[in-house]
Amino acid sequence: MRLTRLVVADDIPGRWWIKEPLIDYARSHQIEHGRPPSWWPLTSGLDCPFCIGLWIAGGVALIDEVAGDSRWWRLLTSALALNEAAAHIGSRLGDVADDGALDDDEDED
């Protein structure tokens, strides 16, 4: 779930490392060849948590099978799961600060 959110909703890596480089490459391809690349329609799935979630779940299941009982794999998956749980609980409790919240707190000191 956390990996899906990283791609679909977060700036890093979703927007900056995945979406924007694909868009830039497609634009340069269209300029060079006069048409977008054949895979371009598939990029609309990058905003769909169900689409991305399916591919990520498949990759995680495959890695889980290969990694077996690796302590590092358990540590990574546990950290991602706990991070998503904390973010979800925080958003439900209203703990997510907007961009200007830090500036307001500094003025009061």
PDB file of N, CA and C in Angstrom:
ATOM      1  N   MET A   1       0.823  -1.192   0.000  1.00  0.00           N
ATOM      2  CA  MET A   1       0.000   0.000   0.000  1.00  0.00           C
ATOM      3  C   MET A   1       0.872   1.263   0.000  1.00  0.00           C
ATOM      4  N   ARG A   2       1.925   1.239   0.761  1.00  0.00           N
ATOM      5  CA  ARG A   2       2.799   2.411   0.819  1.00  0.00           C
ATOM      6  C   ARG A   2       3.515   2.622  -0.511  1.00  0.00           C
ATOM      7  N   LEU A   3       3.963   1.555  -1.133  1.00  0.00           N
ATOM      8  CA  LEU A   3       4.643   1.690  -2.427  1.00  0.00           C
ATOM      9  C   LEU A   3       3.686   2.232  -3.489  1.00  0.00           C
ATOM     10  N   THR A   4       2.445   1.806  -3.431  1.00  0.00           N
ATOM     11  CA  THR A   4       1.442   2.322  -4.373  1.00  0.00           C
ATOM     12  C   THR A   4       1.258   3.817  -4.172  1.00  0.00           C
ATOM     13  N   ARG A   5       1.179   4.254  -2.930  1.00  0.00           N
ATOM     14  CA  ARG A   5       1.019   5.683  -2.650  1.00  0.00           C
ATOM     15  C   ARG A   5       2.245   6.474  -3.098  1.00  0.00           C
ATOM     16  N   LEU A   6       3.430   5.899  -2.961  1.00  0.00           N
ATOM     17  CA  LEU A   6       4.641   6.583  -3.414  1.00  0.00           C
ATOM     18  C   LEU A   6       4.566   6.910  -4.902  1.00  0.00           C
ATOM     19  N   VAL A   7       4.041   5.979  -5.683  1.00  0.00           N
ATOM     20  CA  VAL A   7       3.954   6.197  -7.129  1.00  0.00           C
ATOM     21  C   VAL A   7       2.790   7.112  -7.487  1.00  0.00           C
ATOM     22  N   VAL A   8       1.630   6.861  -6.906  1.00  0.00           N
ATOM     23  CA  VAL A   8       0.405   7.554  -7.325  1.00  0.00           C
ATOM     24  C   VAL A   8       0.304   8.957  -6.757  1.00  0.00           C
ATOM     25  N   ALA A   9       0.616   9.153  -5.484  1.00  0.00           N
ATOM     26  CA  ALA A   9       0.288  10.419  -4.828  1.00  0.00           C
ATOM     27  C   ALA A   9       1.483  11.261  -4.385  1.00  0.00           C
ATOM     28  N   ASP A  10       2.635  10.671  -4.146  1.00  0.00           N
ATOM     29  CA  ASP A  10       3.756  11.426  -3.586  1.00  0.00           C
ATOM     30  C   ASP A  10       4.622  12.047  -4.686  1.00  0.00           C
ATOM     31  N   ASP A  11       5.252  13.173  -4.351  1.00  0.00           N
ATOM     32  CA  ASP A  11       6.153  13.822  -5.305  1.00  0.00           C
ATOM     33  C   ASP A  11       7.401  12.986  -5.563  1.00  0.00           C
ATOM     34  N   ILE A  12       7.983  12.463  -4.485  1.00  0.00           N
ATOM     35  CA  ILE A  12       9.177  11.630  -4.618  1.00  0.00           C
ATOM     36  C   ILE A  12       8.767  10.224  -4.238  1.00  0.00           C
ATOM     37  N   PRO A  13       8.908   9.242  -5.036  1.00  0.00           N
ATOM     38  CA  PRO A  13       9.445   9.190  -6.387  1.00  0.00           C
ATOM     39  C   PRO A  13       8.392   9.339  -7.472  1.00  0.00           C
ATOM     40  N   GLY A  14       7.107   9.313  -7.108  1.00  0.00           N
ATOM     41  CA  GLY A  14       6.041   9.288  -8.098  1.00  0.00           C
ATOM     42  C   GLY A  14       6.133  10.333  -9.177  1.00  0.00           C
ATOM     43  N   ARG A  15       6.027  11.580  -8.796  1.00  0.00           N
ATOM     44  CA  ARG A  15       5.999  12.633  -9.803  1.00  0.00           C
ATOM     45  C   ARG A  15       7.386  12.920 -10.367  1.00  0.00           C
ATOM     46  N   TRP A  16       8.372  13.091  -9.508  1.00  0.00           N
ATOM     47  CA  TRP A  16       9.689  13.549  -9.958  1.00  0.00           C
ATOM     48  C   TRP A  16      10.534  12.459 -10.611  1.00  0.00           C
ATOM     49  N   TRP A  17      10.437  11.224 -10.134  1.00  0.00           N
ATOM     50  CA  TRP A  17      11.314  10.168 -10.644  1.00  0.00           C
ATOM     51  C   TRP A  17      10.650   9.254 -11.654  1.00  0.00           C
ATOM     52  N   ILE A  18       9.310   9.243 -11.690  1.00  0.00           N
ATOM     53  CA  ILE A  18       8.620   8.321 -12.592  1.00  0.00           C
ATOM     54  C   ILE A  18       7.792   9.073 -13.626  1.00  0.00           C
ATOM     55  N   LYS A  19       6.814   9.857 -13.181  1.00  0.00           N
ATOM     56  CA  LYS A  19       5.877  10.488 -14.114  1.00  0.00           C
ATOM     57  C   LYS A  19       6.535  11.550 -14.997  1.00  0.00           C
ATOM     58  N   GLU A  20       7.226  12.524 -14.398  1.00  0.00           N
ATOM     59  CA  GLU A  20       7.816  13.601 -15.182  1.00  0.00           C
ATOM     60  C   GLU A  20       8.873  13.110 -16.170  1.00  0.00           C
ATOM     61  N   PRO A  21       9.765  12.165 -15.782  1.00  0.00           N
ATOM     62  CA  PRO A  21      10.703  11.643 -16.788  1.00  0.00           C
ATOM     63  C   PRO A  21      10.005  10.938 -17.957  1.00  0.00           C
ATOM     64  N   LEU A  22       8.918  10.215 -17.681  1.00  0.00           N
ATOM     65  CA  LEU A  22       8.171   9.566 -18.764  1.00  0.00           C
ATOM     66  C   LEU A  22       7.519  10.597 -19.673  1.00  0.00           C
ATOM     67  N   ILE A  23       6.955  11.653 -19.084  1.00  0.00           N
ATOM     68  CA  ILE A  23       6.333  12.707 -19.877  1.00  0.00           C
ATOM     69  C   ILE A  23       7.378  13.413 -20.735  1.00  0.00           C
ATOM     70  N   ASP A  24       8.532  13.729 -20.153  1.00  0.00           N
ATOM     71  CA  ASP A  24       9.602  14.386 -20.908  1.00  0.00           C
ATOM     72  C   ASP A  24      10.094  13.507 -22.054  1.00  0.00           C
ATOM     73  N   TYR A  25      10.258  12.206 -21.784  1.00  0.00           N
ATOM     74  CA  TYR A  25      10.705  11.292 -22.837  1.00  0.00           C
ATOM     75  C   TYR A  25       9.660  11.209 -23.955  1.00  0.00           C
ATOM     76  N   ALA A  26       8.376  11.148 -23.583  1.00  0.00           N
ATOM     77  CA  ALA A  26       7.316  11.064 -24.591  1.00  0.00           C
ATOM     78  C   ALA A  26       7.277  12.327 -25.452  1.00  0.00           C
ATOM     79  N   ARG A  27       7.480  13.485 -24.824  1.00  0.00           N
ATOM     80  CA  ARG A  27       7.511  14.735 -25.598  1.00  0.00           C
ATOM     81  C   ARG A  27       8.669  14.751 -26.582  1.00  0.00           C
ATOM     82  N   SER A  28       9.847  14.361 -26.120  1.00  0.00           N
ATOM     83  CA  SER A  28      10.998  14.344 -27.030  1.00  0.00           C
ATOM     84  C   SER A  28      10.800  13.308 -28.140  1.00  0.00           C
ATOM     85  N   HIS A  29      10.177  12.187 -27.816  1.00  0.00           N
ATOM     86  CA  HIS A  29       9.887  11.161 -28.823  1.00  0.00           C
ATOM     87  C   HIS A  29       8.900  11.701 -29.854  1.00  0.00           C
ATOM     88  N   GLN A  30       7.886  12.443 -29.399  1.00  0.00           N
ATOM     89  CA  GLN A  30       6.902  12.998 -30.318  1.00  0.00           C
ATOM     90  C   GLN A  30       7.532  14.051 -31.216  1.00  0.00           C
ATOM     91  N   ILE A  31       8.424  14.859 -30.675  1.00  0.00           N
ATOM     92  CA  ILE A  31       9.102  15.867 -31.488  1.00  0.00           C
ATOM     93  C   ILE A  31       9.968  15.186 -32.535  1.00  0.00           C
ATOM     94  N   GLU A  32      10.668  14.146 -32.135  1.00  0.00           N
ATOM     95  CA  GLU A  32      11.594  13.460 -33.039  1.00  0.00           C
ATOM     96  C   GLU A  32      10.870  12.615 -34.095  1.00  0.00           C
ATOM     97  N   HIS A  33       9.804  11.914 -33.689  1.00  0.00           N
ATOM     98  CA  HIS A  33       9.141  10.970 -34.596  1.00  0.00           C
ATOM     99  C   HIS A  33       7.778  11.444 -35.094  1.00  0.00           C
ATOM    100  N   GLY A  34       7.270  12.537 -34.559  1.00  0.00           N
ATOM    101  CA  GLY A  34       5.989  13.054 -34.995  1.00  0.00           C
ATOM    102  C   GLY A  34       4.783  12.369 -34.376  1.00  0.00           C
ATOM    103  N   ARG A  35       5.005  11.471 -33.462  1.00  0.00           N
ATOM    104  CA  ARG A  35       3.915  10.782 -32.777  1.00  0.00           C
ATOM    105  C   ARG A  35       4.391  10.357 -31.400  1.00  0.00           C
ATOM    106  N   PRO A  36       3.460  10.212 -30.457  1.00  0.00           N
ATOM    107  CA  PRO A  36       3.876   9.752 -29.118  1.00  0.00           C
ATOM    108  C   PRO A  36       4.294   8.284 -29.180  1.00  0.00           C
ATOM    109  N   PRO A  37       5.061   7.834 -28.194  1.00  0.00           N
ATOM    110  CA  PRO A  37       5.468   6.428 -28.190  1.00  0.00           C
ATOM    111  C   PRO A  37       4.258   5.500 -28.033  1.00  0.00           C
ATOM    112  N   SER A  38       4.388   4.272 -28.483  1.00  0.00           N
ATOM    113  CA  SER A  38       3.262   3.328 -28.459  1.00  0.00           C
ATOM    114  C   SER A  38       2.796   3.014 -27.035  1.00  0.00           C
ATOM    115  N   TRP A  39       3.667   3.142 -26.043  1.00  0.00           N
ATOM    116  CA  TRP A  39       3.308   2.838 -24.663  1.00  0.00           C
ATOM    117  C   TRP A  39       2.641   4.015 -23.956  1.00  0.00           C
ATOM    118  N   TRP A  40       2.526   5.155 -24.610  1.00  0.00           N
ATOM    119  CA  TRP A  40       2.027   6.355 -23.963  1.00  0.00           C
ATOM    120  C   TRP A  40       0.640   6.176 -23.324  1.00  0.00           C
ATOM    121  N   PRO A  41      -0.334   5.514 -23.950  1.00  0.00           N
ATOM    122  CA  PRO A  41      -1.645   5.350 -23.303  1.00  0.00           C
ATOM    123  C   PRO A  41      -1.568   4.609 -21.961  1.00  0.00           C
ATOM    124  N   LEU A  42      -0.571   3.770 -21.777  1.00  0.00           N
ATOM    125  CA  LEU A  42      -0.433   3.029 -20.522  1.00  0.00           C
ATOM    126  C   LEU A  42      -0.073   3.927 -19.347  1.00  0.00           C
ATOM    127  N   THR A  43       0.482   5.101 -19.617  1.00  0.00           N
ATOM    128  CA  THR A  43       0.896   5.991 -18.533  1.00  0.00           C
ATOM    129  C   THR A  43      -0.290   6.574 -17.776  1.00  0.00           C
ATOM    130  N   SER A  44      -1.478   6.536 -18.357  1.00  0.00           N
ATOM    131  CA  SER A  44      -2.650   7.022 -17.621  1.00  0.00           C
ATOM    132  C   SER A  44      -2.888   6.174 -16.371  1.00  0.00           C
ATOM    133  N   GLY A  45      -2.392   4.941 -16.371  1.00  0.00           N
ATOM    134  CA  GLY A  45      -2.513   4.069 -15.209  1.00  0.00           C
ATOM    135  C   GLY A  45      -1.636   4.478 -14.044  1.00  0.00           C
ATOM    136  N   LEU A  46      -0.698   5.393 -14.254  1.00  0.00           N
ATOM    137  CA  LEU A  46       0.180   5.832 -13.173  1.00  0.00           C
ATOM    138  C   LEU A  46      -0.565   6.642 -12.116  1.00  0.00           C
ATOM    139  N   ASP A  47      -1.751   7.115 -12.437  1.00  0.00           N
ATOM    140  CA  ASP A  47      -2.558   7.858 -11.469  1.00  0.00           C
ATOM    141  C   ASP A  47      -3.622   6.980 -10.819  1.00  0.00           C
ATOM    142  N   CYS A  48      -3.659   5.718 -11.179  1.00  0.00           N
ATOM    143  CA  CYS A  48      -4.684   4.804 -10.687  1.00  0.00           C
ATOM    144  C   CYS A  48      -4.098   3.881  -9.616  1.00  0.00           C
ATOM    145  N   PRO A  49      -4.540   4.032  -8.353  1.00  0.00           N
ATOM    146  CA  PRO A  49      -3.976   3.184  -7.302  1.00  0.00           C
ATOM    147  C   PRO A  49      -4.273   1.696  -7.500  1.00  0.00           C
ATOM    148  N   PHE A  50      -5.377   1.377  -8.164  1.00  0.00           N
ATOM    149  CA  PHE A  50      -5.704  -0.021  -8.402  1.00  0.00           C
ATOM    150  C   PHE A  50      -4.776  -0.623  -9.461  1.00  0.00           C
ATOM    151  N   CYS A  51      -4.473   0.148 -10.501  1.00  0.00           N
ATOM    152  CA  CYS A  51      -3.570  -0.322 -11.567  1.00  0.00           C
ATOM    153  C   CYS A  51      -2.147  -0.512 -11.027  1.00  0.00           C
ATOM    154  N   ILE A  52      -1.623   0.529 -10.411  1.00  0.00           N
ATOM    155  CA  ILE A  52      -0.265   0.475  -9.868  1.00  0.00           C
ATOM    156  C   ILE A  52      -0.178  -0.563  -8.758  1.00  0.00           C
ATOM    157  N   GLY A  53      -1.205  -0.610  -7.917  1.00  0.00           N
ATOM    158  CA  GLY A  53      -1.223  -1.570  -6.813  1.00  0.00           C
ATOM    159  C   GLY A  53      -1.118  -3.004  -7.289  1.00  0.00           C
ATOM    160  N   LEU A  54      -1.763  -3.324  -8.403  1.00  0.00           N
ATOM    161  CA  LEU A  54      -1.690  -4.679  -8.950  1.00  0.00           C
ATOM    162  C   LEU A  54      -0.263  -5.041  -9.346  1.00  0.00           C
ATOM    163  N   TRP A  55       0.401  -4.142 -10.071  1.00  0.00           N
ATOM    164  CA  TRP A  55       1.766  -4.417 -10.516  1.00  0.00           C
ATOM    165  C   TRP A  55       2.750  -4.461  -9.349  1.00  0.00           C
ATOM    166  N   ILE A  56       2.592  -3.557  -8.402  1.00  0.00           N
ATOM    167  CA  ILE A  56       3.477  -3.561  -7.236  1.00  0.00           C
ATOM    168  C   ILE A  56       3.248  -4.812  -6.395  1.00  0.00           C
ATOM    169  N   ALA A  57       1.996  -5.196  -6.202  1.00  0.00           N
ATOM    170  CA  ALA A  57       1.703  -6.408  -5.427  1.00  0.00           C
ATOM    171  C   ALA A  57       2.326  -7.637  -6.090  1.00  0.00           C
ATOM    172  N   GLY A  58       2.245  -7.710  -7.402  1.00  0.00           N
ATOM    173  CA  GLY A  58       2.881  -8.819  -8.116  1.00  0.00           C
ATOM    174  C   GLY A  58       4.384  -8.831  -7.913  1.00  0.00           C
ATOM    175  N   GLY A  59       5.007  -7.651  -7.993  1.00  0.00           N
ATOM    176  CA  GLY A  59       6.452  -7.565  -7.784  1.00  0.00           C
ATOM    177  C   GLY A  59       6.851  -7.911  -6.359  1.00  0.00           C
ATOM    178  N   VAL A  60       6.080  -7.423  -5.391  1.00  0.00           N
ATOM    179  CA  VAL A  60       6.373  -7.721  -3.989  1.00  0.00           C
ATOM    180  C   VAL A  60       6.204  -9.211  -3.717  1.00  0.00           C
ATOM    181  N   ALA A  61       5.156  -9.826  -4.271  1.00  0.00           N
ATOM    182  CA  ALA A  61       4.951 -11.268  -4.080  1.00  0.00           C
ATOM    183  C   ALA A  61       6.102 -12.070  -4.682  1.00  0.00           C
ATOM    184  N   LEU A  62       6.583 -11.645  -5.839  1.00  0.00           N
ATOM    185  CA  LEU A  62       7.713 -12.328  -6.476  1.00  0.00           C
ATOM    186  C   LEU A  62       8.988 -12.170  -5.647  1.00  0.00           C
ATOM    187  N   ILE A  63       9.267 -10.964  -5.208  1.00  0.00           N
ATOM    188  CA  ILE A  63      10.454 -10.727  -4.381  1.00  0.00           C
ATOM    189  C   ILE A  63      10.347 -11.479  -3.060  1.00  0.00           C
ATOM    190  N   ASP A  64       9.155 -11.518  -2.495  1.00  0.00           N
ATOM    191  CA  ASP A  64       8.944 -12.241  -1.250  1.00  0.00           C
ATOM    192  C   ASP A  64       9.259 -13.723  -1.419  1.00  0.00           C
ATOM    193  N   GLU A  65       8.890 -14.267  -2.544  1.00  0.00           N
ATOM    194  CA  GLU A  65       9.168 -15.678  -2.825  1.00  0.00           C
ATOM    195  C   GLU A  65      10.673 -15.910  -2.961  1.00  0.00           C
ATOM    196  N   VAL A  66      11.363 -14.998  -3.619  1.00  0.00           N
ATOM    197  CA  VAL A  66      12.814 -15.125  -3.820  1.00  0.00           C
ATOM    198  C   VAL A  66      13.576 -14.848  -2.528  1.00  0.00           C
ATOM    199  N   ALA A  67      13.145 -13.815  -1.790  1.00  0.00           N
ATOM    200  CA  ALA A  67      13.862 -13.420  -0.570  1.00  0.00           C
ATOM    201  C   ALA A  67      13.700 -14.443   0.543  1.00  0.00           C
ATOM    202  N   GLY A  68      12.596 -15.160   0.530  1.00  0.00           N
ATOM    203  CA  GLY A  68      12.388 -16.164   1.565  1.00  0.00           C
ATOM    204  C   GLY A  68      12.304 -15.540   2.939  1.00  0.00           C
ATOM    205  N   ASP A  69      13.138 -16.015   3.846  1.00  0.00           N
ATOM    206  CA  ASP A  69      13.105 -15.554   5.235  1.00  0.00           C
ATOM    207  C   ASP A  69      14.212 -14.536   5.515  1.00  0.00           C
ATOM    208  N   SER A  70      14.448 -13.650   4.565  1.00  0.00           N
ATOM    209  CA  SER A  70      15.496 -12.644   4.710  1.00  0.00           C
ATOM    210  C   SER A  70      15.105 -11.599   5.754  1.00  0.00           C
ATOM    211  N   ARG A  71      16.013 -11.342   6.686  1.00  0.00           N
ATOM    212  CA  ARG A  71      15.754 -10.334   7.713  1.00  0.00           C
ATOM    213  C   ARG A  71      15.642  -8.947   7.097  1.00  0.00           C
ATOM    214  N   TRP A  72      16.440  -8.654   6.064  1.00  0.00           N
ATOM    215  CA  TRP A  72      16.415  -7.341   5.434  1.00  0.00           C
ATOM    216  C   TRP A  72      15.087  -7.104   4.730  1.00  0.00           C
ATOM    217  N   TRP A  73      14.560  -8.145   4.098  1.00  0.00           N
ATOM    218  CA  TRP A  73      13.267  -8.021   3.423  1.00  0.00           C
ATOM    219  C   TRP A  73      12.155  -7.776   4.439  1.00  0.00           C
ATOM    220  N   ARG A  74      12.179  -8.514   5.543  1.00  0.00           N
ATOM    221  CA  ARG A  74      11.180  -8.312   6.601  1.00  0.00           C
ATOM    222  C   ARG A  74      11.284  -6.909   7.177  1.00  0.00           C
ATOM    223  N   LEU A  75      12.501  -6.434   7.380  1.00  0.00           N
ATOM    224  CA  LEU A  75      12.709  -5.084   7.910  1.00  0.00           C
ATOM    225  C   LEU A  75      12.136  -4.036   6.953  1.00  0.00           C
ATOM    226  N   LEU A  76      12.422  -4.152   5.673  1.00  0.00           N
ATOM    227  CA  LEU A  76      11.920  -3.204   4.679  1.00  0.00           C
ATOM    228  C   LEU A  76      10.397  -3.220   4.609  1.00  0.00           C
ATOM    229  N   THR A  77       9.807  -4.397   4.493  1.00  0.00           N
ATOM    230  CA  THR A  77       8.347  -4.473   4.382  1.00  0.00           C
ATOM    231  C   THR A  77       7.662  -4.012   5.671  1.00  0.00           C
ATOM    232  N   SER A  78       8.255  -4.307   6.811  1.00  0.00           N
ATOM    233  CA  SER A  78       7.686  -3.845   8.078  1.00  0.00           C
ATOM    234  C   SER A  78       7.744  -2.327   8.185  1.00  0.00           C
ATOM    235  N   ALA A  79       8.862  -1.742   7.781  1.00  0.00           N
ATOM    236  CA  ALA A  79       9.004  -0.284   7.834  1.00  0.00           C
ATOM    237  C   ALA A  79       7.982   0.395   6.925  1.00  0.00           C
ATOM    238  N   LEU A  80       7.809  -0.137   5.718  1.00  0.00           N
ATOM    239  CA  LEU A  80       6.822   0.446   4.799  1.00  0.00           C
ATOM    240  C   LEU A  80       5.408   0.319   5.350  1.00  0.00           C
ATOM    241  N   ALA A  81       5.092  -0.839   5.921  1.00  0.00           N
ATOM    242  CA  ALA A  81       3.753  -1.057   6.477  1.00  0.00           C
ATOM    243  C   ALA A  81       3.490  -0.131   7.663  1.00  0.00           C
ATOM    244  N   LEU A  82       4.452   0.011   8.552  1.00  0.00           N
ATOM    245  CA  LEU A  82       4.282   0.892   9.705  1.00  0.00           C
ATOM    246  C   LEU A  82       4.178   2.356   9.290  1.00  0.00           C
ATOM    247  N   ASN A  83       4.948   2.742   8.266  1.00  0.00           N
ATOM    248  CA  ASN A  83       4.884   4.106   7.767  1.00  0.00           C
ATOM    249  C   ASN A  83       3.499   4.407   7.204  1.00  0.00           C
ATOM    250  N   GLU A  84       2.949   3.483   6.435  1.00  0.00           N
ATOM    251  CA  GLU A  84       1.607   3.688   5.878  1.00  0.00           C
ATOM    252  C   GLU A  84       0.558   3.725   6.968  1.00  0.00           C
ATOM    253  N   ALA A  85       0.679   2.855   7.961  1.00  0.00           N
ATOM    254  CA  ALA A  85      -0.290   2.845   9.072  1.00  0.00           C
ATOM    255  C   ALA A  85      -0.245   4.173   9.828  1.00  0.00           C
ATOM    256  N   ALA A  86       0.952   4.674  10.107  1.00  0.00           N
ATOM    257  CA  ALA A  86       1.086   5.952  10.818  1.00  0.00           C
ATOM    258  C   ALA A  86       0.514   7.101   9.991  1.00  0.00           C
ATOM    259  N   ALA A  87       0.789   7.104   8.693  1.00  0.00           N
ATOM    260  CA  ALA A  87       0.262   8.166   7.828  1.00  0.00           C
ATOM    261  C   ALA A  87      -1.252   8.108   7.752  1.00  0.00           C
ATOM    262  N   HIS A  88      -1.802   6.915   7.660  1.00  0.00           N
ATOM    263  CA  HIS A  88      -3.257   6.762   7.576  1.00  0.00           C
ATOM    264  C   HIS A  88      -3.932   7.213   8.872  1.00  0.00           C
ATOM    265  N   ILE A  89      -3.400   6.787   9.989  1.00  0.00           N
ATOM    266  CA  ILE A  89      -3.965   7.181  11.279  1.00  0.00           C
ATOM    267  C   ILE A  89      -3.834   8.694  11.476  1.00  0.00           C
ATOM    268  N   GLY A  90      -2.676   9.235  11.125  1.00  0.00           N
ATOM    269  CA  GLY A  90      -2.475  10.676  11.246  1.00  0.00           C
ATOM    270  C   GLY A  90      -3.439  11.471  10.392  1.00  0.00           C
ATOM    271  N   SER A  91      -3.695  11.009   9.168  1.00  0.00           N
ATOM    272  CA  SER A  91      -4.621  11.734   8.307  1.00  0.00           C
ATOM    273  C   SER A  91      -6.048  11.650   8.840  1.00  0.00           C
ATOM    274  N   ARG A  92      -6.405  10.533   9.444  1.00  0.00           N
ATOM    275  CA  ARG A  92      -7.751  10.392  10.022  1.00  0.00           C
ATOM    276  C   ARG A  92      -7.925  11.263  11.256  1.00  0.00           C
ATOM    277  N   LEU A  93      -6.836  11.479  11.996  1.00  0.00           N
ATOM    278  CA  LEU A  93      -6.899  12.310  13.200  1.00  0.00           C
ATOM    279  C   LEU A  93      -6.709  13.793  12.905  1.00  0.00           C
ATOM    280  N   GLY A  94      -6.409  14.122  11.660  1.00  0.00           N
ATOM    281  CA  GLY A  94      -6.209  15.513  11.289  1.00  0.00           C
ATOM    282  C   GLY A  94      -4.825  16.032  11.610  1.00  0.00           C
ATOM    283  N   ASP A  95      -3.845  15.146  11.711  1.00  0.00           N
ATOM    284  CA  ASP A  95      -2.488  15.556  12.059  1.00  0.00           C
ATOM    285  C   ASP A  95      -1.662  15.993  10.864  1.00  0.00           C
ATOM    286  N   VAL A  96      -2.211  15.971   9.680  1.00  0.00           N
ATOM    287  CA  VAL A  96      -1.454  16.337   8.488  1.00  0.00           C
ATOM    288  C   VAL A  96      -1.445  17.845   8.368  1.00  0.00           C
ATOM    289  N   ALA A  97      -0.259  18.455   8.442  1.00  0.00           N
ATOM    290  CA  ALA A  97      -0.122  19.908   8.391  1.00  0.00           C
ATOM    291  C   ALA A  97      -0.118  20.379   6.949  1.00  0.00           C
ATOM    292  N   ASP A  98      -0.684  21.562   6.724  1.00  0.00           N
ATOM    293  CA  ASP A  98      -0.592  22.142   5.391  1.00  0.00           C
ATOM    294  C   ASP A  98       0.767  22.831   5.254  1.00  0.00           C
ATOM    295  N   ASP A  99       1.071  23.328   4.050  1.00  0.00           N
ATOM    296  CA  ASP A  99       2.389  23.898   3.774  1.00  0.00           C
ATOM    297  C   ASP A  99       2.718  25.112   4.631  1.00  0.00           C
ATOM    298  N   GLY A 100       1.734  25.905   5.017  1.00  0.00           N
ATOM    299  CA  GLY A 100       1.998  27.114   5.781  1.00  0.00           C
ATOM    300  C   GLY A 100       2.006  26.913   7.285  1.00  0.00           C
ATOM    301  N   ALA A 101       1.732  25.722   7.754  1.00  0.00           N
ATOM    302  CA  ALA A 101       1.615  25.490   9.198  1.00  0.00           C
ATOM    303  C   ALA A 101       2.936  25.717   9.923  1.00  0.00           C
ATOM    304  N   LEU A 102       4.034  25.349   9.317  1.00  0.00           N
ATOM    305  CA  LEU A 102       5.325  25.527   9.982  1.00  0.00           C
ATOM    306  C   LEU A 102       5.678  27.001  10.109  1.00  0.00           C
ATOM    307  N   ASP A 103       5.344  27.796   9.095  1.00  0.00           N
ATOM    308  CA  ASP A 103       5.634  29.222   9.144  1.00  0.00           C
ATOM    309  C   ASP A 103       4.849  29.908  10.258  1.00  0.00           C
ATOM    310  N   ASP A 104       3.591  29.505  10.455  1.00  0.00           N
ATOM    311  CA  ASP A 104       2.773  30.107  11.506  1.00  0.00           C
ATOM    312  C   ASP A 104       3.317  29.793  12.897  1.00  0.00           C
ATOM    313  N   ASP A 105       3.797  28.559  13.087  1.00  0.00           N
ATOM    314  CA  ASP A 105       4.339  28.176  14.390  1.00  0.00           C
ATOM    315  C   ASP A 105       5.618  28.951  14.723  1.00  0.00           C
ATOM    316  N   GLU A 106       6.434  29.235  13.707  1.00  0.00           N
ATOM    317  CA  GLU A 106       7.684  29.936  13.946  1.00  0.00           C
ATOM    318  C   GLU A 106       7.432  31.374  14.371  1.00  0.00           C
ATOM    319  N   ASP A 107       6.349  31.991  13.845  1.00  0.00           N
ATOM    320  CA  ASP A 107       6.056  33.383  14.167  1.00  0.00           C
ATOM    321  C   ASP A 107       5.648  33.538  15.632  1.00  0.00           C
ATOM    322  N   GLU A 108       5.052  32.500  16.208  1.00  0.00           N
ATOM    323  CA  GLU A 108       4.567  32.593  17.579  1.00  0.00           C
ATOM    324  C   GLU A 108       5.700  32.527  18.605  1.00  0.00           C
ATOM    325  N   ASP A 109       6.846  31.974  18.242  1.00  0.00           N
ATOM    326  CA  ASP A 109       7.955  31.836  19.201  1.00  0.00           C
ATOM    327  C   ASP A 109       8.591  33.107  19.524  1.00  0.00           C
TER     328      ASP A 109
END
